[in-house]
């Protein structure tokens, strides 16, 4: 047995995941001080207003978009490194680092938002469901019927399991706080600028490509975790989840969203993705999965349970790795 290091990344990650699972978004704190992602959004908005002006050529706007990404992602990684250096020499520092992980991983908040859509559909009908799903999707909720609202919530849950949970964990394990900060900035840049609209087609090009790159490994990993979680979930089919993941994971217009969505579709016996309508236009994606596209609040509940199990499976794998490293007897 090796001595326990309070600054062990695996241990800090477990602590951060536990804090997030218990406290979620910590609204009591972030109604007083701005959330780091909200601060990042303000800075991105400043660059957008100053550099992305319609009178400039498309070439100029693309170049300025690249500069924006380089400056903001580099700054975020540098801030992560500074915080790491400040935290690495004390118990308080370890707690601060674990708290930073908790703040930048979105397990509980995602679960709460998706469950709220199911509750809204059940108690308030289509209008309430549309209002609830508006908080978690980019498409036009007013064009969704009740099954469309349910599918949108399930698709968002699957995609954001990758973006909001697996990818931050992956980059923290790979590069520590600099990697976590880098990833969150890249993901926020994509969510604000990576749209296929006239305004962002050029300026947001670099943000969208970087987001594709940083999710290249986490996205299929998140799909695999959902397939693994399906083994333990009621009314889920792990074999079909694997089959649909491998068959349909690359069919989505996004190079990464298809992996977790295909796994979710296969596990639950649904058809997800398909043609969708966004503010910038329609996306004629094929359906992922062989099941029914007629999703219901009960399917959101099943998806939420599968997601919860996948989060626990991820935490269990991290715990297993930490135990193996610290409690394996010497050969």
C-alpha atoms as a PDB file:
ATOM      1  CA  UNK A   1       0.000   0.000   0.000  1.00  0.00           C
ATOM      2  CA  UNK A   2       1.404   3.371  -1.033  1.00  0.00           C
ATOM      3  CA  UNK A   3       0.838   6.535   1.037  1.00  0.00           C
ATOM      4  CA  UNK A   4      -2.252   8.503   0.107  1.00  0.00           C
ATOM      5  CA  UNK A   5      -1.453  11.738  -1.717  1.00  0.00           C
ATOM      6  CA  UNK A   6      -4.216  14.327  -1.264  1.00  0.00           C
ATOM      7  CA  UNK A   7      -3.154  15.895  -4.559  1.00  0.00           C
ATOM      8  CA  UNK A   8      -3.542  12.668  -6.525  1.00  0.00           C
ATOM      9  CA  UNK A   9      -5.573  13.620  -9.652  1.00  0.00           C
ATOM     10  CA  UNK A  10      -7.732  10.493  -9.361  1.00  0.00           C
ATOM     11  CA  UNK A  11      -8.592  11.283  -5.752  1.00  0.00           C
ATOM     12  CA  UNK A  12      -9.289  14.952  -6.507  1.00  0.00           C
ATOM     13  CA  UNK A  13     -11.452  13.925  -9.444  1.00  0.00           C
ATOM     14  CA  UNK A  14     -13.474  11.543  -7.277  1.00  0.00           C
ATOM     15  CA  UNK A  15     -13.934  14.291  -4.699  1.00  0.00           C
ATOM     16  CA  UNK A  16     -15.024  16.747  -7.379  1.00  0.00           C
ATOM     17  CA  UNK A  17     -17.530  14.298  -8.859  1.00  0.00           C
ATOM     18  CA  UNK A  18     -18.939  13.612  -5.397  1.00  0.00           C
ATOM     19  CA  UNK A  19     -19.316  17.337  -4.648  1.00  0.00           C
ATOM     20  CA  UNK A  20     -21.079  17.887  -7.965  1.00  0.00           C
ATOM     21  CA  UNK A  21     -23.369  14.874  -7.430  1.00  0.00           C
ATOM     22  CA  UNK A  22     -24.441  16.265  -4.050  1.00  0.00           C
ATOM     23  CA  UNK A  23     -24.572  20.023  -4.639  1.00  0.00           C
ATOM     24  CA  UNK A  24     -24.948  20.408  -8.408  1.00  0.00           C
ATOM     25  CA  UNK A  25     -24.741  23.961  -9.763  1.00  0.00           C
ATOM     26  CA  UNK A  26     -24.525  25.515  -6.270  1.00  0.00           C
ATOM     27  CA  UNK A  27     -27.072  28.260  -7.044  1.00  0.00           C
ATOM     28  CA  UNK A  28     -26.671  29.771  -3.574  1.00  0.00           C
ATOM     29  CA  UNK A  29     -23.054  30.571  -4.472  1.00  0.00           C
ATOM     30  CA  UNK A  30     -23.458  31.578  -8.093  1.00  0.00           C
ATOM     31  CA  UNK A  31     -26.293  33.980  -7.496  1.00  0.00           C
ATOM     32  CA  UNK A  32     -23.725  36.017  -5.547  1.00  0.00           C
ATOM     33  CA  UNK A  33     -20.659  35.536  -7.737  1.00  0.00           C
ATOM     34  CA  UNK A  34     -20.655  34.751 -11.476  1.00  0.00           C
ATOM     35  CA  UNK A  35     -20.096  31.156 -12.569  1.00  0.00           C
ATOM     36  CA  UNK A  36     -16.757  30.606 -14.383  1.00  0.00           C
ATOM     37  CA  UNK A  37     -18.572  29.476 -17.537  1.00  0.00           C
ATOM     38  CA  UNK A  38     -20.712  32.628 -17.409  1.00  0.00           C
ATOM     39  CA  UNK A  39     -17.532  34.705 -17.130  1.00  0.00           C
ATOM     40  CA  UNK A  40     -16.091  32.858 -20.121  1.00  0.00           C
ATOM     41  CA  UNK A  41     -19.289  33.631 -22.000  1.00  0.00           C
ATOM     42  CA  UNK A  42     -18.955  37.340 -21.273  1.00  0.00           C
ATOM     43  CA  UNK A  43     -15.393  37.395 -22.578  1.00  0.00           C
ATOM     44  CA  UNK A  44     -16.399  35.457 -25.706  1.00  0.00           C
ATOM     45  CA  UNK A  45     -19.245  37.918 -26.239  1.00  0.00           C
ATOM     46  CA  UNK A  46     -16.787  40.818 -26.021  1.00  0.00           C
ATOM     47  CA  UNK A  47     -14.536  39.288 -28.699  1.00  0.00           C
ATOM     48  CA  UNK A  48     -17.582  38.510 -30.830  1.00  0.00           C
ATOM     49  CA  UNK A  49     -18.809  42.104 -30.705  1.00  0.00           C
ATOM     50  CA  UNK A  50     -15.396  43.623 -31.400  1.00  0.00           C
ATOM     51  CA  UNK A  51     -14.022  41.238 -34.036  1.00  0.00           C
ATOM     52  CA  UNK A  52     -17.018  39.677 -35.779  1.00  0.00           C
ATOM     53  CA  UNK A  53     -18.390  42.673 -37.652  1.00  0.00           C
ATOM     54  CA  UNK A  54     -20.524  42.051 -40.737  1.00  0.00           C
ATOM     55  CA  UNK A  55     -18.720  44.625 -42.876  1.00  0.00           C
ATOM     56  CA  UNK A  56     -15.533  42.542 -42.763  1.00  0.00           C
ATOM     57  CA  UNK A  57     -14.816  39.896 -45.379  1.00  0.00           C
ATOM     58  CA  UNK A  58     -15.402  36.241 -44.637  1.00  0.00           C
ATOM     59  CA  UNK A  59     -11.652  35.621 -44.773  1.00  0.00           C
ATOM     60  CA  UNK A  60     -11.021  38.369 -42.238  1.00  0.00           C
ATOM     61  CA  UNK A  61     -13.743  37.094 -39.937  1.00  0.00           C
ATOM     62  CA  UNK A  62     -12.340  33.562 -40.051  1.00  0.00           C
ATOM     63  CA  UNK A  63      -8.863  34.853 -39.210  1.00  0.00           C
ATOM     64  CA  UNK A  64     -10.248  36.852 -36.287  1.00  0.00           C
ATOM     65  CA  UNK A  65     -12.153  33.789 -35.125  1.00  0.00           C
ATOM     66  CA  UNK A  66      -8.911  31.808 -35.087  1.00  0.00           C
ATOM     67  CA  UNK A  67      -7.214  34.570 -33.083  1.00  0.00           C
ATOM     68  CA  UNK A  68     -10.125  34.588 -30.623  1.00  0.00           C
ATOM     69  CA  UNK A  69      -9.859  30.833 -30.069  1.00  0.00           C
ATOM     70  CA  UNK A  70      -6.081  30.894 -29.643  1.00  0.00           C
ATOM     71  CA  UNK A  71      -6.150  33.777 -27.153  1.00  0.00           C
ATOM     72  CA  UNK A  72      -9.061  32.516 -25.045  1.00  0.00           C
ATOM     73  CA  UNK A  73      -8.119  28.844 -24.969  1.00  0.00           C
ATOM     74  CA  UNK A  74      -4.498  29.718 -24.221  1.00  0.00           C
ATOM     75  CA  UNK A  75      -5.567  32.091 -21.450  1.00  0.00           C
ATOM     76  CA  UNK A  76      -7.881  29.472 -19.943  1.00  0.00           C
ATOM     77  CA  UNK A  77      -5.097  26.860 -19.922  1.00  0.00           C
ATOM     78  CA  UNK A  78      -2.704  29.384 -18.349  1.00  0.00           C
ATOM     79  CA  UNK A  79      -5.229  30.201 -15.611  1.00  0.00           C
ATOM     80  CA  UNK A  80      -5.637  26.482 -14.968  1.00  0.00           C
ATOM     81  CA  UNK A  81      -1.880  26.108 -14.627  1.00  0.00           C
ATOM     82  CA  UNK A  82      -1.659  29.039 -12.203  1.00  0.00           C
ATOM     83  CA  UNK A  83      -4.440  27.594 -10.061  1.00  0.00           C
ATOM     84  CA  UNK A  84      -2.749  24.195 -10.119  1.00  0.00           C
ATOM     85  CA  UNK A  85       0.524  25.702  -8.913  1.00  0.00           C
ATOM     86  CA  UNK A  86      -1.272  27.598  -6.133  1.00  0.00           C
ATOM     87  CA  UNK A  87      -3.193  24.504  -5.025  1.00  0.00           C
ATOM     88  CA  UNK A  88      -0.517  21.827  -5.067  1.00  0.00           C
ATOM     89  CA  UNK A  89       1.156  22.499  -1.704  1.00  0.00           C
ATOM     90  CA  UNK A  90      -1.620  22.418   0.910  1.00  0.00           C
ATOM     91  CA  UNK A  91      -4.747  20.612   2.052  1.00  0.00           C
ATOM     92  CA  UNK A  92      -6.772  23.750   1.367  1.00  0.00           C
ATOM     93  CA  UNK A  93      -5.345  23.777  -2.140  1.00  0.00           C
ATOM     94  CA  UNK A  94      -6.480  20.193  -2.687  1.00  0.00           C
ATOM     95  CA  UNK A  95      -9.991  21.155  -1.586  1.00  0.00           C
ATOM     96  CA  UNK A  96      -9.975  24.154  -3.941  1.00  0.00           C
ATOM     97  CA  UNK A  97      -8.904  21.962  -6.859  1.00  0.00           C
ATOM     98  CA  UNK A  98     -11.616  19.405  -6.091  1.00  0.00           C
ATOM     99  CA  UNK A  99     -14.132  22.247  -5.933  1.00  0.00           C
ATOM    100  CA  UNK A 100     -12.938  23.540  -9.315  1.00  0.00           C
ATOM    101  CA  UNK A 101     -13.552  20.095 -10.783  1.00  0.00           C
ATOM    102  CA  UNK A 102     -17.034  20.014  -9.242  1.00  0.00           C
ATOM    103  CA  UNK A 103     -17.914  23.424 -10.677  1.00  0.00           C
ATOM    104  CA  UNK A 104     -16.789  22.523 -14.203  1.00  0.00           C
ATOM    105  CA  UNK A 105     -18.427  19.078 -14.398  1.00  0.00           C
ATOM    106  CA  UNK A 106     -22.176  19.093 -14.993  1.00  0.00           C
ATOM    107  CA  UNK A 107     -23.565  15.737 -13.818  1.00  0.00           C
ATOM    108  CA  UNK A 108     -26.370  16.806 -11.502  1.00  0.00           C
ATOM    109  CA  UNK A 109     -27.469  19.970 -13.292  1.00  0.00           C
ATOM    110  CA  UNK A 110     -27.880  18.067 -16.556  1.00  0.00           C
ATOM    111  CA  UNK A 111     -29.897  15.355 -14.828  1.00  0.00           C
ATOM    112  CA  UNK A 112     -32.110  17.926 -13.105  1.00  0.00           C
ATOM    113  CA  UNK A 113     -32.810  19.843 -16.322  1.00  0.00           C
ATOM    114  CA  UNK A 114     -33.747  16.711 -18.248  1.00  0.00           C
ATOM    115  CA  UNK A 115     -35.969  15.315 -15.498  1.00  0.00           C
ATOM    116  CA  UNK A 116     -37.700  18.708 -15.397  1.00  0.00           C
ATOM    117  CA  UNK A 117     -38.726  18.238 -19.039  1.00  0.00           C
ATOM    118  CA  UNK A 118     -40.422  14.919 -18.236  1.00  0.00           C
ATOM    119  CA  UNK A 119     -42.213  16.453 -15.262  1.00  0.00           C
ATOM    120  CA  UNK A 120     -43.311  19.445 -17.344  1.00  0.00           C
ATOM    121  CA  UNK A 121     -44.729  17.234 -20.089  1.00  0.00           C
ATOM    122  CA  UNK A 122     -46.606  15.113 -17.569  1.00  0.00           C
ATOM    123  CA  UNK A 123     -48.053  17.928 -15.496  1.00  0.00           C
ATOM    124  CA  UNK A 124     -48.276  20.888 -17.875  1.00  0.00           C
ATOM    125  CA  UNK A 125     -48.562  19.335 -21.300  1.00  0.00           C
ATOM    126  CA  UNK A 126     -46.837  20.335 -24.521  1.00  0.00           C
ATOM    127  CA  UNK A 127     -46.487  24.065 -23.754  1.00  0.00           C
ATOM    128  CA  UNK A 128     -44.768  23.363 -20.430  1.00  0.00           C
ATOM    129  CA  UNK A 129     -42.554  20.718 -22.038  1.00  0.00           C
ATOM    130  CA  UNK A 130     -41.453  23.155 -24.732  1.00  0.00           C
ATOM    131  CA  UNK A 131     -40.633  25.785 -22.115  1.00  0.00           C
ATOM    132  CA  UNK A 132     -38.564  23.305 -20.092  1.00  0.00           C
ATOM    133  CA  UNK A 133     -36.654  21.827 -23.026  1.00  0.00           C
ATOM    134  CA  UNK A 134     -35.780  25.324 -24.275  1.00  0.00           C
ATOM    135  CA  UNK A 135     -33.114  25.496 -21.535  1.00  0.00           C
ATOM    136  CA  UNK A 136     -31.124  22.532 -22.862  1.00  0.00           C
ATOM    137  CA  UNK A 137     -31.481  22.442 -26.671  1.00  0.00           C
ATOM    138  CA  UNK A 138     -30.509  24.723 -29.522  1.00  0.00           C
ATOM    139  CA  UNK A 139     -33.377  23.801 -31.856  1.00  0.00           C
ATOM    140  CA  UNK A 140     -36.696  25.636 -32.070  1.00  0.00           C
ATOM    141  CA  UNK A 141     -38.954  24.099 -29.368  1.00  0.00           C
ATOM    142  CA  UNK A 142     -42.075  25.684 -30.851  1.00  0.00           C
ATOM    143  CA  UNK A 143     -41.779  23.331 -33.829  1.00  0.00           C
ATOM    144  CA  UNK A 144     -41.676  20.221 -31.623  1.00  0.00           C
ATOM    145  CA  UNK A 145     -44.630  18.021 -30.786  1.00  0.00           C
ATOM    146  CA  UNK A 146     -44.690  16.094 -27.497  1.00  0.00           C
ATOM    147  CA  UNK A 147     -42.602  13.142 -28.802  1.00  0.00           C
ATOM    148  CA  UNK A 148     -40.205  15.671 -30.329  1.00  0.00           C
ATOM    149  CA  UNK A 149     -39.780  17.409 -26.969  1.00  0.00           C
ATOM    150  CA  UNK A 150     -39.092  14.056 -25.308  1.00  0.00           C
ATOM    151  CA  UNK A 151     -36.571  13.079 -27.999  1.00  0.00           C
ATOM    152  CA  UNK A 152     -34.851  16.467 -27.747  1.00  0.00           C
ATOM    153  CA  UNK A 153     -34.423  16.026 -23.991  1.00  0.00           C
ATOM    154  CA  UNK A 154     -33.017  12.505 -24.413  1.00  0.00           C
ATOM    155  CA  UNK A 155     -30.660  13.582 -27.201  1.00  0.00           C
ATOM    156  CA  UNK A 156     -29.426  16.505 -25.119  1.00  0.00           C
ATOM    157  CA  UNK A 157     -28.856  14.180 -22.178  1.00  0.00           C
ATOM    158  CA  UNK A 158     -26.781  11.819 -24.304  1.00  0.00           C
ATOM    159  CA  UNK A 159     -24.746  14.513 -26.048  1.00  0.00           C
ATOM    160  CA  UNK A 160     -24.107  16.466 -22.868  1.00  0.00           C
ATOM    161  CA  UNK A 161     -23.052  13.328 -21.026  1.00  0.00           C
ATOM    162  CA  UNK A 162     -20.094  13.514 -23.389  1.00  0.00           C
ATOM    163  CA  UNK A 163     -19.642  17.306 -23.395  1.00  0.00           C
ATOM    164  CA  UNK A 164     -20.458  18.001 -19.749  1.00  0.00           C
ATOM    165  CA  UNK A 165     -19.174  14.937 -17.919  1.00  0.00           C
ATOM    166  CA  UNK A 166     -16.917  12.539 -19.829  1.00  0.00           C
ATOM    167  CA  UNK A 167     -14.882  15.126 -21.749  1.00  0.00           C
ATOM    168  CA  UNK A 168     -14.082  17.315 -18.708  1.00  0.00           C
ATOM    169  CA  UNK A 169     -13.042  14.182 -16.807  1.00  0.00           C
ATOM    170  CA  UNK A 170     -10.903  13.015 -19.731  1.00  0.00           C
ATOM    171  CA  UNK A 171      -9.084  16.323 -20.116  1.00  0.00           C
ATOM    172  CA  UNK A 172      -8.558  16.687 -16.378  1.00  0.00           C
ATOM    173  CA  UNK A 173      -7.003  13.229 -16.224  1.00  0.00           C
ATOM    174  CA  UNK A 174      -4.852  14.002 -19.258  1.00  0.00           C
ATOM    175  CA  UNK A 175      -3.632  17.525 -18.421  1.00  0.00           C
ATOM    176  CA  UNK A 176      -4.947  18.410 -14.951  1.00  0.00           C
ATOM    177  CA  UNK A 177      -6.560  21.797 -14.323  1.00  0.00           C
ATOM    178  CA  UNK A 178      -5.007  23.325 -17.475  1.00  0.00           C
ATOM    179  CA  UNK A 179      -6.697  20.608 -19.529  1.00  0.00           C
ATOM    180  CA  UNK A 180     -10.016  21.045 -17.749  1.00  0.00           C
ATOM    181  CA  UNK A 181      -9.979  24.835 -18.189  1.00  0.00           C
ATOM    182  CA  UNK A 182      -8.879  24.483 -21.816  1.00  0.00           C
ATOM    183  CA  UNK A 183     -11.724  22.082 -22.548  1.00  0.00           C
ATOM    184  CA  UNK A 184     -14.422  24.165 -20.878  1.00  0.00           C
ATOM    185  CA  UNK A 185     -13.341  27.258 -22.783  1.00  0.00           C
ATOM    186  CA  UNK A 186     -13.287  25.325 -26.076  1.00  0.00           C
ATOM    187  CA  UNK A 187     -16.740  23.909 -25.387  1.00  0.00           C
ATOM    188  CA  UNK A 188     -18.158  27.308 -24.429  1.00  0.00           C
ATOM    189  CA  UNK A 189     -16.661  28.871 -27.542  1.00  0.00           C
ATOM    190  CA  UNK A 190     -18.380  26.238 -29.658  1.00  0.00           C
ATOM    191  CA  UNK A 191     -21.728  26.654 -27.921  1.00  0.00           C
ATOM    192  CA  UNK A 192     -21.654  30.417 -28.547  1.00  0.00           C
ATOM    193  CA  UNK A 193     -19.868  30.696 -31.888  1.00  0.00           C
ATOM    194  CA  UNK A 194     -19.923  27.293 -33.560  1.00  0.00           C
ATOM    195  CA  UNK A 195     -23.180  27.786 -35.452  1.00  0.00           C
ATOM    196  CA  UNK A 196     -23.839  27.347 -39.162  1.00  0.00           C
ATOM    197  CA  UNK A 197     -25.425  30.753 -39.474  1.00  0.00           C
ATOM    198  CA  UNK A 198     -24.430  33.695 -41.650  1.00  0.00           C
ATOM    199  CA  UNK A 199     -22.964  35.467 -38.628  1.00  0.00           C
ATOM    200  CA  UNK A 200     -20.829  32.570 -37.391  1.00  0.00           C
ATOM    201  CA  UNK A 201     -20.034  30.444 -40.444  1.00  0.00           C
ATOM    202  CA  UNK A 202     -16.606  32.098 -40.718  1.00  0.00           C
ATOM    203  CA  UNK A 203     -15.967  33.614 -37.278  1.00  0.00           C
ATOM    204  CA  UNK A 204     -17.056  30.426 -35.491  1.00  0.00           C
ATOM    205  CA  UNK A 205     -15.211  28.035 -37.816  1.00  0.00           C
ATOM    206  CA  UNK A 206     -12.172  27.607 -35.544  1.00  0.00           C
ATOM    207  CA  UNK A 207     -14.336  27.194 -32.433  1.00  0.00           C
ATOM    208  CA  UNK A 208     -16.381  24.435 -34.084  1.00  0.00           C
ATOM    209  CA  UNK A 209     -13.310  22.602 -35.405  1.00  0.00           C
ATOM    210  CA  UNK A 210     -11.537  22.778 -32.040  1.00  0.00           C
ATOM    211  CA  UNK A 211     -14.607  21.414 -30.263  1.00  0.00           C
ATOM    212  CA  UNK A 212     -14.712  18.516 -32.733  1.00  0.00           C
ATOM    213  CA  UNK A 213     -11.049  17.823 -31.995  1.00  0.00           C
ATOM    214  CA  UNK A 214     -11.196  17.928 -28.186  1.00  0.00           C
ATOM    215  CA  UNK A 215     -14.228  15.603 -28.177  1.00  0.00           C
ATOM    216  CA  UNK A 216     -12.746  13.094 -30.595  1.00  0.00           C
ATOM    217  CA  UNK A 217     -11.911  10.582 -27.839  1.00  0.00           C
ATOM    218  CA  UNK A 218     -14.492  11.474 -25.139  1.00  0.00           C
ATOM    219  CA  UNK A 219     -17.464  11.110 -27.514  1.00  0.00           C
ATOM    220  CA  UNK A 220     -17.029   7.401 -28.389  1.00  0.00           C
ATOM    221  CA  UNK A 221     -15.932   6.788 -24.793  1.00  0.00           C
ATOM    222  CA  UNK A 222     -19.216   8.254 -23.563  1.00  0.00           C
ATOM    223  CA  UNK A 223     -21.091   5.963 -25.938  1.00  0.00           C
ATOM    224  CA  UNK A 224     -19.201   2.972 -24.565  1.00  0.00           C
ATOM    225  CA  UNK A 225     -20.022   4.011 -20.991  1.00  0.00           C
ATOM    226  CA  UNK A 226     -23.736   4.225 -21.841  1.00  0.00           C
ATOM    227  CA  UNK A 227     -23.555   0.752 -23.379  1.00  0.00           C
ATOM    228  CA  UNK A 228     -21.841  -0.517 -20.251  1.00  0.00           C
ATOM    229  CA  UNK A 229     -24.408   1.138 -18.015  1.00  0.00           C
ATOM    230  CA  UNK A 230     -27.196  -0.546 -20.009  1.00  0.00           C
ATOM    231  CA  UNK A 231     -26.069  -3.866 -18.493  1.00  0.00           C
ATOM    232  CA  UNK A 232     -27.324  -2.653 -15.109  1.00  0.00           C
ATOM    233  CA  UNK A 233     -30.365  -0.666 -16.250  1.00  0.00           C
ATOM    234  CA  UNK A 234     -33.928  -1.947 -16.249  1.00  0.00           C
ATOM    235  CA  UNK A 235     -35.662  -1.981 -19.636  1.00  0.00           C
ATOM    236  CA  UNK A 236     -32.399  -1.376 -21.494  1.00  0.00           C
ATOM    237  CA  UNK A 237     -30.651  -3.644 -23.993  1.00  0.00           C
ATOM    238  CA  UNK A 238     -26.842  -3.522 -23.855  1.00  0.00           C
ATOM    239  CA  UNK A 239     -26.300  -5.765 -26.874  1.00  0.00           C
ATOM    240  CA  UNK A 240     -28.502  -3.576 -29.051  1.00  0.00           C
ATOM    241  CA  UNK A 241     -26.809  -0.468 -27.620  1.00  0.00           C
ATOM    242  CA  UNK A 242     -23.400  -1.725 -28.796  1.00  0.00           C
ATOM    243  CA  UNK A 243     -24.770  -2.713 -32.201  1.00  0.00           C
ATOM    244  CA  UNK A 244     -26.397   0.674 -32.839  1.00  0.00           C
ATOM    245  CA  UNK A 245     -23.346   2.514 -31.462  1.00  0.00           C
ATOM    246  CA  UNK A 246     -21.072   0.784 -33.956  1.00  0.00           C
ATOM    247  CA  UNK A 247     -23.530   1.028 -36.842  1.00  0.00           C
ATOM    248  CA  UNK A 248     -24.904   4.564 -36.410  1.00  0.00           C
ATOM    249  CA  UNK A 249     -22.312   6.423 -34.314  1.00  0.00           C
ATOM    250  CA  UNK A 250     -20.813   8.162 -37.377  1.00  0.00           C
ATOM    251  CA  UNK A 251     -24.116   9.048 -39.086  1.00  0.00           C
ATOM    252  CA  UNK A 252     -24.797  12.275 -37.162  1.00  0.00           C
ATOM    253  CA  UNK A 253     -23.905  15.601 -38.811  1.00  0.00           C
ATOM    254  CA  UNK A 254     -21.737  16.263 -35.759  1.00  0.00           C
ATOM    255  CA  UNK A 255     -18.659  14.014 -35.776  1.00  0.00           C
ATOM    256  CA  UNK A 256     -19.057  13.446 -32.027  1.00  0.00           C
ATOM    257  CA  UNK A 257     -22.709  13.735 -30.965  1.00  0.00           C
ATOM    258  CA  UNK A 258     -23.688  10.568 -32.815  1.00  0.00           C
ATOM    259  CA  UNK A 259     -21.744   8.241 -30.514  1.00  0.00           C
ATOM    260  CA  UNK A 260     -23.626   8.823 -27.253  1.00  0.00           C
ATOM    261  CA  UNK A 261     -26.945   9.402 -29.042  1.00  0.00           C
ATOM    262  CA  UNK A 262     -26.638   6.134 -30.969  1.00  0.00           C
ATOM    263  CA  UNK A 263     -25.808   4.249 -27.763  1.00  0.00           C
ATOM    264  CA  UNK A 264     -28.786   5.810 -26.004  1.00  0.00           C
ATOM    265  CA  UNK A 265     -31.101   5.025 -28.922  1.00  0.00           C
ATOM    266  CA  UNK A 266     -29.985   1.405 -29.035  1.00  0.00           C
ATOM    267  CA  UNK A 267     -30.179   0.883 -25.291  1.00  0.00           C
ATOM    268  CA  UNK A 268     -33.710   2.290 -25.026  1.00  0.00           C
ATOM    269  CA  UNK A 269     -35.135   0.976 -28.308  1.00  0.00           C
ATOM    270  CA  UNK A 270     -35.731   4.462 -29.716  1.00  0.00           C
ATOM    271  CA  UNK A 271     -34.954   6.356 -32.896  1.00  0.00           C
ATOM    272  CA  UNK A 272     -33.092   9.597 -32.124  1.00  0.00           C
ATOM    273  CA  UNK A 273     -31.643  12.523 -34.113  1.00  0.00           C
ATOM    274  CA  UNK A 274     -33.332  12.505 -37.526  1.00  0.00           C
ATOM    275  CA  UNK A 275     -34.394  15.737 -39.310  1.00  0.00           C
ATOM    276  CA  UNK A 276     -34.342  18.766 -36.989  1.00  0.00           C
ATOM    277  CA  UNK A 277     -35.003  22.494 -37.215  1.00  0.00           C
ATOM    278  CA  UNK A 278     -32.629  25.137 -35.817  1.00  0.00           C
ATOM    279  CA  UNK A 279     -32.632  28.917 -36.025  1.00  0.00           C
ATOM    280  CA  UNK A 280     -29.988  28.757 -38.766  1.00  0.00           C
ATOM    281  CA  UNK A 281     -31.901  26.151 -40.791  1.00  0.00           C
ATOM    282  CA  UNK A 282     -32.866  22.508 -41.011  1.00  0.00           C
ATOM    283  CA  UNK A 283     -30.517  19.548 -40.485  1.00  0.00           C
ATOM    284  CA  UNK A 284     -31.518  16.483 -42.543  1.00  0.00           C
ATOM    285  CA  UNK A 285     -29.816  13.899 -40.333  1.00  0.00           C
ATOM    286  CA  UNK A 286     -30.755  10.221 -40.612  1.00  0.00           C
ATOM    287  CA  UNK A 287     -32.369   8.470 -37.673  1.00  0.00           C
ATOM    288  CA  UNK A 288     -30.085   6.735 -35.197  1.00  0.00           C
ATOM    289  CA  UNK A 289     -31.445   3.402 -34.012  1.00  0.00           C
ATOM    290  CA  UNK A 290     -34.152   1.019 -35.202  1.00  0.00           C
ATOM    291  CA  UNK A 291     -36.778   1.837 -32.585  1.00  0.00           C
ATOM    292  CA  UNK A 292     -39.689   4.220 -32.450  1.00  0.00           C
ATOM    293  CA  UNK A 293     -39.292   8.000 -32.710  1.00  0.00           C
ATOM    294  CA  UNK A 294     -42.434   8.407 -30.601  1.00  0.00           C
ATOM    295  CA  UNK A 295     -40.735   9.102 -27.271  1.00  0.00           C
ATOM    296  CA  UNK A 296     -42.657   9.830 -24.074  1.00  0.00           C
ATOM    297  CA  UNK A 297     -41.939  11.143 -20.554  1.00  0.00           C
ATOM    298  CA  UNK A 298     -41.378   7.546 -19.428  1.00  0.00           C
ATOM    299  CA  UNK A 299     -38.570   7.280 -21.996  1.00  0.00           C
ATOM    300  CA  UNK A 300     -36.979  10.423 -20.548  1.00  0.00           C
ATOM    301  CA  UNK A 301     -37.121   8.746 -17.140  1.00  0.00           C
ATOM    302  CA  UNK A 302     -35.463   5.601 -18.558  1.00  0.00           C
ATOM    303  CA  UNK A 303     -32.788   7.708 -20.246  1.00  0.00           C
ATOM    304  CA  UNK A 304     -32.162   9.604 -17.000  1.00  0.00           C
ATOM    305  CA  UNK A 305     -31.683   6.363 -15.083  1.00  0.00           C
ATOM    306  CA  UNK A 306     -29.282   5.092 -17.749  1.00  0.00           C
ATOM    307  CA  UNK A 307     -27.371   8.371 -17.595  1.00  0.00           C
ATOM    308  CA  UNK A 308     -27.161   8.169 -13.799  1.00  0.00           C
ATOM    309  CA  UNK A 309     -25.784   4.629 -14.029  1.00  0.00           C
ATOM    310  CA  UNK A 310     -23.240   5.731 -16.647  1.00  0.00           C
ATOM    311  CA  UNK A 311     -22.048   8.507 -14.317  1.00  0.00           C
ATOM    312  CA  UNK A 312     -21.677   5.957 -11.520  1.00  0.00           C
ATOM    313  CA  UNK A 313     -19.852   3.586 -13.838  1.00  0.00           C
ATOM    314  CA  UNK A 314     -17.414   6.360 -14.753  1.00  0.00           C
ATOM    315  CA  UNK A 315     -16.832   7.163 -11.077  1.00  0.00           C
ATOM    316  CA  UNK A 316     -16.442   3.445 -10.336  1.00  0.00           C
ATOM    317  CA  UNK A 317     -13.766   3.078 -12.997  1.00  0.00           C
ATOM    318  CA  UNK A 318     -11.873   6.060 -11.565  1.00  0.00           C
ATOM    319  CA  UNK A 319     -12.175   4.625  -8.056  1.00  0.00           C
ATOM    320  CA  UNK A 320     -11.013   1.227  -9.316  1.00  0.00           C
ATOM    321  CA  UNK A 321      -7.962   2.805 -10.941  1.00  0.00           C
ATOM    322  CA  UNK A 322      -7.123   4.674  -7.731  1.00  0.00           C
ATOM    323  CA  UNK A 323      -7.506   1.540  -5.598  1.00  0.00           C
ATOM    324  CA  UNK A 324      -5.406  -0.503  -8.022  1.00  0.00           C
ATOM    325  CA  UNK A 325      -2.619   2.046  -7.889  1.00  0.00           C
ATOM    326  CA  UNK A 326      -2.609   2.403  -4.097  1.00  0.00           C
ATOM    327  CA  UNK A 327      -3.647  -0.943  -2.666  1.00  0.00           C
ATOM    328  CA  UNK A 328      -2.191  -3.494  -5.065  1.00  0.00           C
ATOM    329  CA  UNK A 329       0.375  -5.577  -3.147  1.00  0.00           C
ATOM    330  CA  UNK A 330       3.888  -5.503  -4.560  1.00  0.00           C
ATOM    331  CA  UNK A 331       4.748  -8.375  -6.871  1.00  0.00           C
END
